[in-house]
């Protein structure tokens, strides 16, 4: 069981790095380049989905951290 939790934590750590790097550095995101905001009309929904997915993965990572801390001590 502890090996499974370690595997989940390592996978979620890599996913968190990738998801955080996918976030836009400012509120504009891709739409801010060259004033082409009309081309990317669904950017806000994509950002919202990315934020939710990042939150879920972060929650799983935190839960795994607490479980491992409890099991290892």
C-alpha atoms as a PDB file:
ATOM      1  CA  UNK A   1       0.000   0.000   0.000  1.00  0.00           C
ATOM      2  CA  UNK A   2       2.796   2.402   0.839  1.00  0.00           C
ATOM      3  CA  UNK A   3       4.387   1.786  -2.575  1.00  0.00           C
ATOM      4  CA  UNK A   4       1.099   2.681  -4.276  1.00  0.00           C
ATOM      5  CA  UNK A   5       0.862   5.942  -2.337  1.00  0.00           C
ATOM      6  CA  UNK A   6       4.487   6.765  -3.219  1.00  0.00           C
ATOM      7  CA  UNK A   7       3.716   6.131  -6.886  1.00  0.00           C
ATOM      8  CA  UNK A   8       0.619   8.343  -6.751  1.00  0.00           C
ATOM      9  CA  UNK A   9       2.577  11.112  -5.058  1.00  0.00           C
ATOM     10  CA  UNK A  10       5.387  11.011  -7.626  1.00  0.00           C
ATOM     11  CA  UNK A  11       2.907  11.045 -10.519  1.00  0.00           C
ATOM     12  CA  UNK A  12       0.950  13.940  -9.025  1.00  0.00           C
ATOM     13  CA  UNK A  13       4.199  15.852  -8.412  1.00  0.00           C
ATOM     14  CA  UNK A  14       5.109  15.614 -12.104  1.00  0.00           C
ATOM     15  CA  UNK A  15       1.558  16.508 -13.135  1.00  0.00           C
ATOM     16  CA  UNK A  16       1.624  19.553 -10.857  1.00  0.00           C
ATOM     17  CA  UNK A  17       4.836  20.802 -12.437  1.00  0.00           C
ATOM     18  CA  UNK A  18       3.374  20.401 -15.922  1.00  0.00           C
ATOM     19  CA  UNK A  19       0.018  21.968 -15.036  1.00  0.00           C
ATOM     20  CA  UNK A  20       1.588  24.944 -13.278  1.00  0.00           C
ATOM     21  CA  UNK A  21       3.841  25.571 -16.264  1.00  0.00           C
ATOM     22  CA  UNK A  22       0.778  25.513 -18.534  1.00  0.00           C
ATOM     23  CA  UNK A  23      -0.836  28.404 -16.645  1.00  0.00           C
ATOM     24  CA  UNK A  24      -0.659  31.771 -18.305  1.00  0.00           C
ATOM     25  CA  UNK A  25       1.770  34.185 -16.665  1.00  0.00           C
ATOM     26  CA  UNK A  26      -0.779  37.010 -16.750  1.00  0.00           C
ATOM     27  CA  UNK A  27      -4.515  37.291 -17.177  1.00  0.00           C
ATOM     28  CA  UNK A  28      -4.206  37.525 -20.955  1.00  0.00           C
ATOM     29  CA  UNK A  29      -2.563  34.205 -21.664  1.00  0.00           C
ATOM     30  CA  UNK A  30      -2.288  33.299 -25.328  1.00  0.00           C
ATOM     31  CA  UNK A  31      -4.892  35.884 -26.297  1.00  0.00           C
ATOM     32  CA  UNK A  32      -2.593  38.735 -25.276  1.00  0.00           C
ATOM     33  CA  UNK A  33      -0.115  38.045 -28.051  1.00  0.00           C
ATOM     34  CA  UNK A  34      -0.665  40.371 -30.958  1.00  0.00           C
ATOM     35  CA  UNK A  35      -4.131  41.461 -29.874  1.00  0.00           C
ATOM     36  CA  UNK A  36      -5.761  38.296 -31.161  1.00  0.00           C
ATOM     37  CA  UNK A  37      -8.206  37.844 -28.309  1.00  0.00           C
ATOM     38  CA  UNK A  38     -11.115  37.277 -30.681  1.00  0.00           C
ATOM     39  CA  UNK A  39      -9.433  34.128 -32.076  1.00  0.00           C
ATOM     40  CA  UNK A  40      -9.211  32.472 -28.670  1.00  0.00           C
ATOM     41  CA  UNK A  41     -12.796  32.986 -27.527  1.00  0.00           C
ATOM     42  CA  UNK A  42     -12.856  29.955 -25.234  1.00  0.00           C
ATOM     43  CA  UNK A  43      -9.687  30.851 -23.352  1.00  0.00           C
ATOM     44  CA  UNK A  44     -11.522  31.701 -20.123  1.00  0.00           C
ATOM     45  CA  UNK A  45     -13.197  28.293 -19.963  1.00  0.00           C
ATOM     46  CA  UNK A  46      -9.863  26.607 -20.695  1.00  0.00           C
ATOM     47  CA  UNK A  47      -8.224  28.557 -17.850  1.00  0.00           C
ATOM     48  CA  UNK A  48     -11.071  27.642 -15.525  1.00  0.00           C
ATOM     49  CA  UNK A  49     -10.713  23.956 -16.366  1.00  0.00           C
ATOM     50  CA  UNK A  50      -6.950  24.137 -15.935  1.00  0.00           C
ATOM     51  CA  UNK A  51      -7.375  25.800 -12.531  1.00  0.00           C
ATOM     52  CA  UNK A  52      -9.813  23.115 -11.390  1.00  0.00           C
ATOM     53  CA  UNK A  53      -7.580  20.289 -12.594  1.00  0.00           C
ATOM     54  CA  UNK A  54      -4.561  21.837 -10.877  1.00  0.00           C
ATOM     55  CA  UNK A  55      -6.536  22.157  -7.637  1.00  0.00           C
ATOM     56  CA  UNK A  56      -7.635  18.527  -7.747  1.00  0.00           C
ATOM     57  CA  UNK A  57      -4.108  17.254  -8.426  1.00  0.00           C
ATOM     58  CA  UNK A  58      -2.718  19.492  -5.675  1.00  0.00           C
ATOM     59  CA  UNK A  59      -5.317  18.128  -3.263  1.00  0.00           C
ATOM     60  CA  UNK A  60      -4.367  14.546  -4.096  1.00  0.00           C
ATOM     61  CA  UNK A  61      -0.692  15.425  -3.597  1.00  0.00           C
ATOM     62  CA  UNK A  62      -1.357  16.961  -0.172  1.00  0.00           C
ATOM     63  CA  UNK A  63      -3.469  13.995   0.957  1.00  0.00           C
ATOM     64  CA  UNK A  64      -0.741  11.570  -0.143  1.00  0.00           C
ATOM     65  CA  UNK A  65       1.840  13.633   1.740  1.00  0.00           C
ATOM     66  CA  UNK A  66      -0.144  13.443   4.973  1.00  0.00           C
ATOM     67  CA  UNK A  67      -0.807   9.711   4.559  1.00  0.00           C
ATOM     68  CA  UNK A  68       2.868   9.003   3.921  1.00  0.00           C
ATOM     69  CA  UNK A  69       3.844  11.143   6.886  1.00  0.00           C
ATOM     70  CA  UNK A  70       1.493   9.150   9.102  1.00  0.00           C
ATOM     71  CA  UNK A  71       2.583   5.730   7.777  1.00  0.00           C
ATOM     72  CA  UNK A  72       6.335   6.349   7.837  1.00  0.00           C
ATOM     73  CA  UNK A  73       6.690   7.750  11.340  1.00  0.00           C
END
